[in-house]
Amino acid sequence: MRKGIHPENYRLVAFKDMSNDEVFLTKSTANTKETLEVDGVEYPLVKLEISRTSHPFYTGKAKLVDTAGRIDKFKNKYKKFSK
Protein backbone atom coordinates (compact mmCIF):
# COMPACT_ATOMS: atom_id res chain seq x y z
CA MET A 1 0.00 0.00 0.00
CA ARG A 2 1.29 3.45 -0.89
CA LYS A 3 2.08 5.72 2.00
CA GLY A 4 0.70 9.22 2.39
CA ILE A 5 -2.44 8.83 0.24
CA HIS A 6 -4.91 7.64 2.89
CA PRO A 7 -6.54 9.94 5.46
CA GLU A 8 -5.27 9.66 9.01
CA ASN A 9 -8.25 11.16 10.85
CA TYR A 10 -10.44 8.03 11.04
CA ARG A 11 -12.66 8.05 14.11
CA LEU A 12 -15.99 6.62 15.24
CA VAL A 13 -18.90 8.68 13.88
CA ALA A 14 -22.63 8.35 14.58
CA PHE A 15 -24.80 8.23 11.45
CA LYS A 16 -28.48 8.99 12.08
CA ASP A 17 -31.24 8.15 9.59
CA MET A 18 -33.66 11.08 9.95
CA SER A 19 -36.62 9.17 8.47
CA ASN A 20 -36.73 6.55 11.25
CA ASP A 21 -34.24 7.85 13.89
CA GLU A 22 -31.99 4.76 13.55
CA VAL A 23 -28.41 5.42 14.68
CA PHE A 24 -25.34 3.38 13.83
CA LEU A 25 -21.65 3.86 14.56
CA THR A 26 -18.85 3.34 12.09
CA LYS A 27 -15.42 4.75 11.36
CA SER A 28 -15.35 7.76 9.06
CA THR A 29 -13.41 10.87 8.13
CA ALA A 30 -16.57 12.94 7.53
CA ASN A 31 -16.39 16.48 8.90
CA THR A 32 -19.32 17.53 11.06
CA LYS A 33 -20.19 20.23 13.57
CA GLU A 34 -22.92 18.36 15.45
CA THR A 35 -22.52 15.65 18.05
CA LEU A 36 -24.74 12.92 19.45
CA GLU A 37 -24.47 11.00 22.70
CA VAL A 38 -24.73 7.22 22.31
CA ASP A 39 -24.45 5.03 25.43
CA GLY A 40 -22.90 7.88 27.41
CA VAL A 41 -20.21 8.63 24.81
CA GLU A 42 -20.35 11.69 22.55
CA TYR A 43 -19.69 11.11 18.83
CA PRO A 44 -19.63 13.41 15.79
CA LEU A 45 -23.04 13.23 14.04
CA VAL A 46 -23.78 12.82 10.33
CA LYS A 47 -27.47 13.07 9.38
CA LEU A 48 -28.79 10.88 6.56
CA GLU A 49 -32.08 11.12 4.67
CA ILE A 50 -32.07 7.42 3.84
CA SER A 51 -29.99 4.44 4.97
CA ARG A 52 -30.07 0.66 4.90
CA THR A 53 -32.80 0.68 7.57
CA SER A 54 -35.21 2.80 5.51
CA HIS A 55 -34.28 2.14 1.86
CA PRO A 56 -37.02 0.19 0.02
CA PHE A 57 -34.50 -2.21 -1.55
CA TYR A 58 -33.29 -3.39 1.86
CA THR A 59 -36.60 -3.22 3.71
CA GLY A 60 -38.75 -4.78 0.98
CA LYS A 61 -41.32 -2.02 1.37
CA ALA A 62 -42.26 0.24 -1.51
CA LYS A 63 -42.04 3.51 0.37
CA LEU A 64 -41.61 6.74 -1.57
CA VAL A 65 -39.66 9.50 0.16
CA ASP A 66 -39.90 12.79 -1.72
CA THR A 67 -38.60 15.42 0.66
CA ALA A 68 -37.87 18.09 -1.93
CA GLY A 69 -41.03 17.75 -4.06
CA ARG A 70 -38.97 16.64 -7.04
CA ILE A 71 -41.71 14.43 -8.46
CA ASP A 72 -44.24 17.28 -8.48
CA LYS A 73 -41.70 19.65 -10.06
CA PHE A 74 -41.01 17.11 -12.81
CA LYS A 75 -44.73 16.53 -13.50
CA ASN A 76 -45.45 20.27 -13.65
CA LYS A 77 -42.51 20.90 -15.96
CA TYR A 78 -43.46 18.21 -18.47
CA LYS A 79 -47.27 18.20 -18.28
CA LYS A 80 -47.45 20.38 -21.42
CA PHE A 81 -46.08 17.41 -23.42
CA SER A 82 -48.81 15.01 -22.28
CA LYS A 83 -51.66 14.25 -24.66
C-alpha atoms as a PDB file:
ATOM      1  CA  MET A   1       0.000   0.000   0.000  1.00  0.00           C
ATOM      2  CA  ARG A   2       1.286   3.452  -0.893  1.00  0.00           C
ATOM      3  CA  LYS A   3       2.080   5.715   2.003  1.00  0.00           C
ATOM      4  CA  GLY A   4       0.703   9.221   2.390  1.00  0.00           C
ATOM      5  CA  ILE A   5      -2.442   8.834   0.243  1.00  0.00           C
ATOM      6  CA  HIS A   6      -4.907   7.640   2.888  1.00  0.00           C
ATOM      7  CA  PRO A   7      -6.538   9.941   5.463  1.00  0.00           C
ATOM      8  CA  GLU A   8      -5.271   9.657   9.008  1.00  0.00           C
ATOM      9  CA  ASN A   9      -8.253  11.156  10.849  1.00  0.00           C
ATOM     10  CA  TYR A  10     -10.445   8.034  11.041  1.00  0.00           C
ATOM     11  CA  ARG A  11     -12.660   8.048  14.113  1.00  0.00           C
ATOM     12  CA  LEU A  12     -15.987   6.616  15.239  1.00  0.00           C
ATOM     13  CA  VAL A  13     -18.898   8.676  13.880  1.00  0.00           C
ATOM     14  CA  ALA A  14     -22.633   8.351  14.582  1.00  0.00           C
ATOM     15  CA  PHE A  15     -24.804   8.229  11.449  1.00  0.00           C
ATOM     16  CA  LYS A  16     -28.485   8.994  12.076  1.00  0.00           C
ATOM     17  CA  ASP A  17     -31.241   8.150   9.591  1.00  0.00           C
ATOM     18  CA  MET A  18     -33.659  11.082   9.952  1.00  0.00           C
ATOM     19  CA  SER A  19     -36.624   9.173   8.473  1.00  0.00           C
ATOM     20  CA  ASN A  20     -36.727   6.552  11.246  1.00  0.00           C
ATOM     21  CA  ASP A  21     -34.239   7.848  13.892  1.00  0.00           C
ATOM     22  CA  GLU A  22     -31.994   4.756  13.549  1.00  0.00           C
ATOM     23  CA  VAL A  23     -28.411   5.421  14.683  1.00  0.00           C
ATOM     24  CA  PHE A  24     -25.340   3.379  13.834  1.00  0.00           C
ATOM     25  CA  LEU A  25     -21.655   3.863  14.563  1.00  0.00           C
ATOM     26  CA  THR A  26     -18.846   3.336  12.091  1.00  0.00           C
ATOM     27  CA  LYS A  27     -15.422   4.750  11.363  1.00  0.00           C
ATOM     28  CA  SER A  28     -15.354   7.757   9.056  1.00  0.00           C
ATOM     29  CA  THR A  29     -13.407  10.867   8.129  1.00  0.00           C
ATOM     30  CA  ALA A  30     -16.565  12.941   7.527  1.00  0.00           C
ATOM     31  CA  ASN A  31     -16.395  16.477   8.903  1.00  0.00           C
ATOM     32  CA  THR A  32     -19.316  17.529  11.062  1.00  0.00           C
ATOM     33  CA  LYS A  33     -20.193  20.230  13.566  1.00  0.00           C
ATOM     34  CA  GLU A  34     -22.924  18.363  15.451  1.00  0.00           C
ATOM     35  CA  THR A  35     -22.521  15.651  18.048  1.00  0.00           C
ATOM     36  CA  LEU A  36     -24.743  12.915  19.446  1.00  0.00           C
ATOM     37  CA  GLU A  37     -24.465  11.000  22.705  1.00  0.00           C
ATOM     38  CA  VAL A  38     -24.731   7.219  22.313  1.00  0.00           C
ATOM     39  CA  ASP A  39     -24.451   5.029  25.431  1.00  0.00           C
ATOM     40  CA  GLY A  40     -22.904   7.879  27.411  1.00  0.00           C
ATOM     41  CA  VAL A  41     -20.207   8.632  24.811  1.00  0.00           C
ATOM     42  CA  GLU A  42     -20.347  11.694  22.555  1.00  0.00           C
ATOM     43  CA  TYR A  43     -19.686  11.112  18.833  1.00  0.00           C
ATOM     44  CA  PRO A  44     -19.631  13.407  15.793  1.00  0.00           C
ATOM     45  CA  LEU A  45     -23.040  13.226  14.042  1.00  0.00           C
ATOM     46  CA  VAL A  46     -23.777  12.824  10.326  1.00  0.00           C
ATOM     47  CA  LYS A  47     -27.469  13.069   9.384  1.00  0.00           C
ATOM     48  CA  LEU A  48     -28.787  10.883   6.556  1.00  0.00           C
ATOM     49  CA  GLU A  49     -32.079  11.115   4.667  1.00  0.00           C
ATOM     50  CA  ILE A  50     -32.065   7.420   3.844  1.00  0.00           C
ATOM     51  CA  SER A  51     -29.986   4.441   4.969  1.00  0.00           C
ATOM     52  CA  ARG A  52     -30.070   0.659   4.901  1.00  0.00           C
ATOM     53  CA  THR A  53     -32.799   0.680   7.567  1.00  0.00           C
ATOM     54  CA  SER A  54     -35.207   2.805   5.514  1.00  0.00           C
ATOM     55  CA  HIS A  55     -34.278   2.136   1.862  1.00  0.00           C
ATOM     56  CA  PRO A  56     -37.023   0.193   0.015  1.00  0.00           C
ATOM     57  CA  PHE A  57     -34.503  -2.206  -1.547  1.00  0.00           C
ATOM     58  CA  TYR A  58     -33.292  -3.391   1.855  1.00  0.00           C
ATOM     59  CA  THR A  59     -36.599  -3.218   3.713  1.00  0.00           C
ATOM     60  CA  GLY A  60     -38.747  -4.779   0.976  1.00  0.00           C
ATOM     61  CA  LYS A  61     -41.324  -2.020   1.373  1.00  0.00           C
ATOM     62  CA  ALA A  62     -42.261   0.238  -1.515  1.00  0.00           C
ATOM     63  CA  LYS A  63     -42.040   3.514   0.373  1.00  0.00           C
ATOM     64  CA  LEU A  64     -41.607   6.736  -1.567  1.00  0.00           C
ATOM     65  CA  VAL A  65     -39.658   9.496   0.156  1.00  0.00           C
ATOM     66  CA  ASP A  66     -39.903  12.786  -1.725  1.00  0.00           C
ATOM     67  CA  THR A  67     -38.602  15.417   0.660  1.00  0.00           C
ATOM     68  CA  ALA A  68     -37.869  18.085  -1.934  1.00  0.00           C
ATOM     69  CA  GLY A  69     -41.031  17.754  -4.061  1.00  0.00           C
ATOM     70  CA  ARG A  70     -38.966  16.637  -7.038  1.00  0.00           C
ATOM     71  CA  ILE A  71     -41.708  14.430  -8.458  1.00  0.00           C
ATOM     72  CA  ASP A  72     -44.243  17.281  -8.482  1.00  0.00           C
ATOM     73  CA  LYS A  73     -41.704  19.647 -10.061  1.00  0.00           C
ATOM     74  CA  PHE A  74     -41.011  17.108 -12.805  1.00  0.00           C
ATOM     75  CA  LYS A  75     -44.726  16.529 -13.504  1.00  0.00           C
ATOM     76  CA  ASN A  76     -45.445  20.266 -13.654  1.00  0.00           C
ATOM     77  CA  LYS A  77     -42.506  20.900 -15.957  1.00  0.00           C
ATOM     78  CA  TYR A  78     -43.455  18.212 -18.474  1.00  0.00           C
ATOM     79  CA  LYS A  79     -47.273  18.205 -18.281  1.00  0.00           C
ATOM     80  CA  LYS A  80     -47.447  20.375 -21.421  1.00  0.00           C
ATOM     81  CA  PHE A  81     -46.081  17.409 -23.416  1.00  0.00           C
ATOM     82  CA  SER A  82     -48.808  15.009 -22.277  1.00  0.00           C
ATOM     83  CA  LYS A  83     -51.660  14.251 -24.658  1.00  0.00           C
END
